[in-house]
C-alpha atoms as a PDB file:
ATOM      1  CA  MET A   1       4.147  11.517  21.775  1.00  0.00           C
ATOM      2  CA  THR A   2       4.339  14.928  23.717  1.00  0.00           C
ATOM      3  CA  LEU A   3       5.298  13.171  26.832  1.00  0.00           C
ATOM      4  CA  VAL A   4       8.096  11.536  25.115  1.00  0.00           C
ATOM      5  CA  ILE A   5       9.573  14.538  23.220  1.00  0.00           C
ATOM      6  CA  LEU A   6       9.358  16.642  26.559  1.00  0.00           C
ATOM      7  CA  ALA A   7      11.530  13.493  28.346  1.00  0.00           C
ATOM      8  CA  CYS A   8      14.230  14.563  25.555  1.00  0.00           C
ATOM      9  CA  ALA A   9      13.971  18.085  25.027  1.00  0.00           C
ATOM     10  CA  LEU A  10      13.662  19.778  28.358  1.00  0.00           C
ATOM     11  CA  PRO A  11      16.818  21.725  29.415  1.00  0.00           C
ATOM     12  CA  ASN A  12      17.403  19.650  32.615  1.00  0.00           C
ATOM     13  CA  TYR A  13      16.789  15.819  31.197  1.00  0.00           C
ATOM     14  CA  GLY A  14      18.452  16.947  28.278  1.00  0.00           C
ATOM     15  CA  ALA A  15      19.475  13.458  26.607  1.00  0.00           C
ATOM     16  CA  TRP A  16      17.551  11.805  23.663  1.00  0.00           C
ATOM     17  CA  TRP A  17      17.651   8.123  24.488  1.00  0.00           C
ATOM     18  CA  PRO A  18      14.038   8.249  25.834  1.00  0.00           C
ATOM     19  CA  PHE A  19      13.035   8.710  22.063  1.00  0.00           C
ATOM     20  CA  THR A  20      14.225   5.023  21.090  1.00  0.00           C
ATOM     21  CA  VAL A  21      11.239   4.131  22.887  1.00  0.00           C
ATOM     22  CA  VAL A  22       8.916   5.064  19.585  1.00  0.00           C
ATOM     23  CA  LEU A  23      10.718   2.566  17.751  1.00  0.00           C
ATOM     24  CA  PHE A  24       8.675  -0.217  20.258  1.00  0.00           C
ATOM     25  CA  TYR A  25       5.901   1.824  19.290  1.00  0.00           C
ATOM     26  CA  ILE A  26       6.384   1.206  15.455  1.00  0.00           C
ATOM     27  CA  LEU A  27       7.237  -2.380  16.184  1.00  0.00           C
ATOM     28  CA  ALA A  28       4.158  -3.265  18.795  1.00  0.00           C
ATOM     29  CA  PRO A  29       1.254  -3.753  16.835  1.00  0.00           C
ATOM     30  CA  LEU A  30       2.927  -5.317  13.959  1.00  0.00           C
ATOM     31  CA  PRO A  31       2.762  -9.260  14.881  1.00  0.00           C
ATOM     32  CA  THR A  32      -0.828  -8.475  15.965  1.00  0.00           C
ATOM     33  CA  ILE A  33      -2.342  -6.920  12.435  1.00  0.00           C
ATOM     34  CA  ILE A  34      -0.072  -9.545  10.299  1.00  0.00           C
ATOM     35  CA  ALA A  35      -1.484 -12.619  12.630  1.00  0.00           C
ATOM     36  CA  ARG A  36      -5.048 -11.337  11.936  1.00  0.00           C
ATOM     37  CA  ARG A  37      -4.537 -10.686   8.498  1.00  0.00           C
ATOM     38  CA  TYR A  38      -3.307 -14.117   8.392  1.00  0.00           C
ATOM     39  CA  THR A  39      -5.518 -16.162  10.292  1.00  0.00           C
ATOM     40  CA  GLU A  40      -8.664 -14.425   8.939  1.00  0.00           C
ATOM     41  CA  HIS A  41      -8.081 -15.418   5.177  1.00  0.00           C
ATOM     42  CA  THR A  42      -6.846 -19.147   6.516  1.00  0.00           C
ATOM     43  CA  GLY A  43      -8.947 -19.932   9.072  1.00  0.00           C
ATOM     44  CA  ALA A  44      -5.537 -21.397  10.543  1.00  0.00           C
ATOM     45  CA  SER A  45      -5.270 -22.021  14.798  1.00  0.00           C
ATOM     46  CA  SER A  46      -4.950 -19.537  17.030  1.00  0.00           C
ATOM     47  CA  ALA A  47      -1.511 -20.603  17.655  1.00  0.00           C
ATOM     48  CA  ASN A  48      -0.437 -17.663  15.393  1.00  0.00           C
ATOM     49  CA  MET A  49      -2.310 -15.250  17.357  1.00  0.00           C
ATOM     50  CA  ASP A  50      -0.811 -16.766  20.539  1.00  0.00           C
ATOM     51  CA  LEU A  51       2.261 -15.943  19.073  1.00  0.00           C
ATOM     52  CA  ALA A  52       1.650 -12.618  17.710  1.00  0.00           C
ATOM     53  CA  ILE A  53       0.528 -11.777  20.900  1.00  0.00           C
ATOM     54  CA  PHE A  54       4.001 -12.621  22.861  1.00  0.00           C
ATOM     55  CA  ILE A  55       5.822 -11.142  20.806  1.00  0.00           C
ATOM     56  CA  THR A  56       3.725  -7.813  20.961  1.00  0.00           C
ATOM     57  CA  MET A  57       4.190  -8.025  24.868  1.00  0.00           C
ATOM     58  CA  GLY A  58       7.952  -8.544  24.830  1.00  0.00           C
ATOM     59  CA  PHE A  59       7.862  -5.098  22.141  1.00  0.00           C
ATOM     60  CA  VAL A  60       5.425  -3.752  25.091  1.00  0.00           C
ATOM     61  CA  ILE A  61       7.486  -4.446  28.383  1.00  0.00           C
ATOM     62  CA  SER A  62      10.797  -3.810  26.480  1.00  0.00           C
ATOM     63  CA  SER A  63       8.972  -0.595  26.236  1.00  0.00           C
ATOM     64  CA  PHE A  64       8.840  -0.004  30.030  1.00  0.00           C
ATOM     65  CA  VAL A  65      11.853  -1.654  30.712  1.00  0.00           C
ATOM     66  CA  LEU A  66      13.875   0.709  28.811  1.00  0.00           C
ATOM     67  CA  PRO A  67      13.858   4.239  30.401  1.00  0.00           C
ATOM     68  CA  ILE A  68      14.210   2.606  33.789  1.00  0.00           C
ATOM     69  CA  THR A  69      17.441   0.865  32.481  1.00  0.00           C
ATOM     70  CA  LEU A  70      18.681   4.123  31.283  1.00  0.00           C
ATOM     71  CA  ALA A  71      17.858   6.139  34.604  1.00  0.00           C
ATOM     72  CA  ARG A  72      19.634   3.541  36.742  1.00  0.00           C
ATOM     73  CA  ALA A  73      22.950   2.283  34.698  1.00  0.00           C
ATOM     74  CA  PRO A  74      25.490   3.086  35.164  1.00  0.00           C
ATOM     75  CA  ALA A  75      25.005   3.900  39.108  1.00  0.00           C
ATOM     76  CA  LYS A  76      27.358   7.421  39.054  1.00  0.00           C
ATOM     77  CA  ALA A  77      26.238   8.888  35.630  1.00  0.00           C
ATOM     78  CA  PRO A  78      23.095   7.692  34.457  1.00  0.00           C
ATOM     79  CA  ALA A  79      21.931   8.049  30.802  1.00  0.00           C
ATOM     80  CA  ILE A  80      18.621   9.855  31.724  1.00  0.00           C
ATOM     81  CA  GLN A  81      17.385  11.517  34.413  1.00  0.00           C
ATOM     82  CA  TRP A  82      14.483   9.829  36.506  1.00  0.00           C
ATOM     83  CA  GLY A  83      12.107  12.693  35.024  1.00  0.00           C
ATOM     84  CA  ALA A  84      12.417  11.840  32.036  1.00  0.00           C
ATOM     85  CA  CYS A  85      12.127   8.276  32.852  1.00  0.00           C
ATOM     86  CA  TYR A  86       8.725   9.334  34.260  1.00  0.00           C
ATOM     87  CA  LEU A  87       7.547  11.119  31.380  1.00  0.00           C
ATOM     88  CA  THR A  88       8.659   8.499  28.997  1.00  0.00           C
ATOM     89  CA  LEU A  89       6.636   5.906  31.333  1.00  0.00           C
ATOM     90  CA  ALA A  90       3.497   8.225  30.958  1.00  0.00           C
ATOM     91  CA  GLY A  91       3.802   8.335  27.073  1.00  0.00           C
ATOM     92  CA  ASN A  92       3.833   4.496  27.398  1.00  0.00           C
ATOM     93  CA  ILE A  93       0.837   4.250  28.841  1.00  0.00           C
ATOM     94  CA  VAL A  94      -0.671   6.563  26.845  1.00  0.00           C
ATOM     95  CA  VAL A  95       0.412   5.296  23.733  1.00  0.00           C
ATOM     96  CA  TYR A  96      -0.217   1.784  24.496  1.00  0.00           C
ATOM     97  CA  LEU A  97      -3.710   2.749  25.797  1.00  0.00           C
ATOM     98  CA  THR A  98      -4.429   4.240  22.630  1.00  0.00           C
ATOM     99  CA  TYR A  99      -3.459   1.279  20.949  1.00  0.00           C
ATOM    100  CA  ILE A 100      -5.910  -0.905  22.586  1.00  0.00           C
ATOM    101  CA  GLY A 101      -8.836   1.226  22.210  1.00  0.00           C
ATOM    102  CA  PHE A 102      -7.878   1.284  18.725  1.00  0.00           C
ATOM    103  CA  PHE A 103      -7.911  -2.439  18.121  1.00  0.00           C
ATOM    104  CA  VAL A 104     -11.204  -2.862  20.280  1.00  0.00           C
ATOM    105  CA  THR A 105     -13.283  -0.302  18.324  1.00  0.00           C
ATOM    106  CA  LEU A 106     -11.388  -2.008  15.026  1.00  0.00           C
ATOM    107  CA  TYR A 107     -12.473  -5.566  15.346  1.00  0.00           C
ATOM    108  CA  GLN A 108     -15.657  -5.582  17.537  1.00  0.00           C
ATOM    109  CA  ASP A 109     -18.153  -7.560  15.377  1.00  0.00           C
ATOM    110  CA  GLU A 110     -21.172  -5.206  15.979  1.00  0.00           C
ATOM    111  CA  SER A 111     -19.911  -1.899  15.103  1.00  0.00           C
ATOM    112  CA  ASP A 112     -19.731  -0.098  11.648  1.00  0.00           C
ATOM    113  CA  TYR A 113     -15.914   0.785  12.368  1.00  0.00           C
ATOM    114  CA  GLY A 114     -15.032  -3.372  11.662  1.00  0.00           C
ATOM    115  CA  MET A 115     -15.526  -3.158   7.839  1.00  0.00           C
ATOM    116  CA  TRP A 116     -11.927  -0.699   8.083  1.00  0.00           C
END
């Protein structure tokens, strides 16, 4: 989050458009969390989980594409500078690696963290 806030707040960049990726940070884990709860209780097929992963990947890819699109369009006066785009992309990588680590730790069967 620090990198995304820096992308918005540094004086040379000066636009708060990169902060819109925070919406994707909030929405990305929700389909997987809902599908895991549903499949744990009902024992349904993995089609629900596959759909949840597909929707989650849509959110993840959108959070990477949005800063690039903002930095490229319109061509004469882009919405954000490339430096802000790079900081936002770095922030995306950190956030999504944290999500992966959380889900791997949470859903391991042999660890004590699975009780959560």
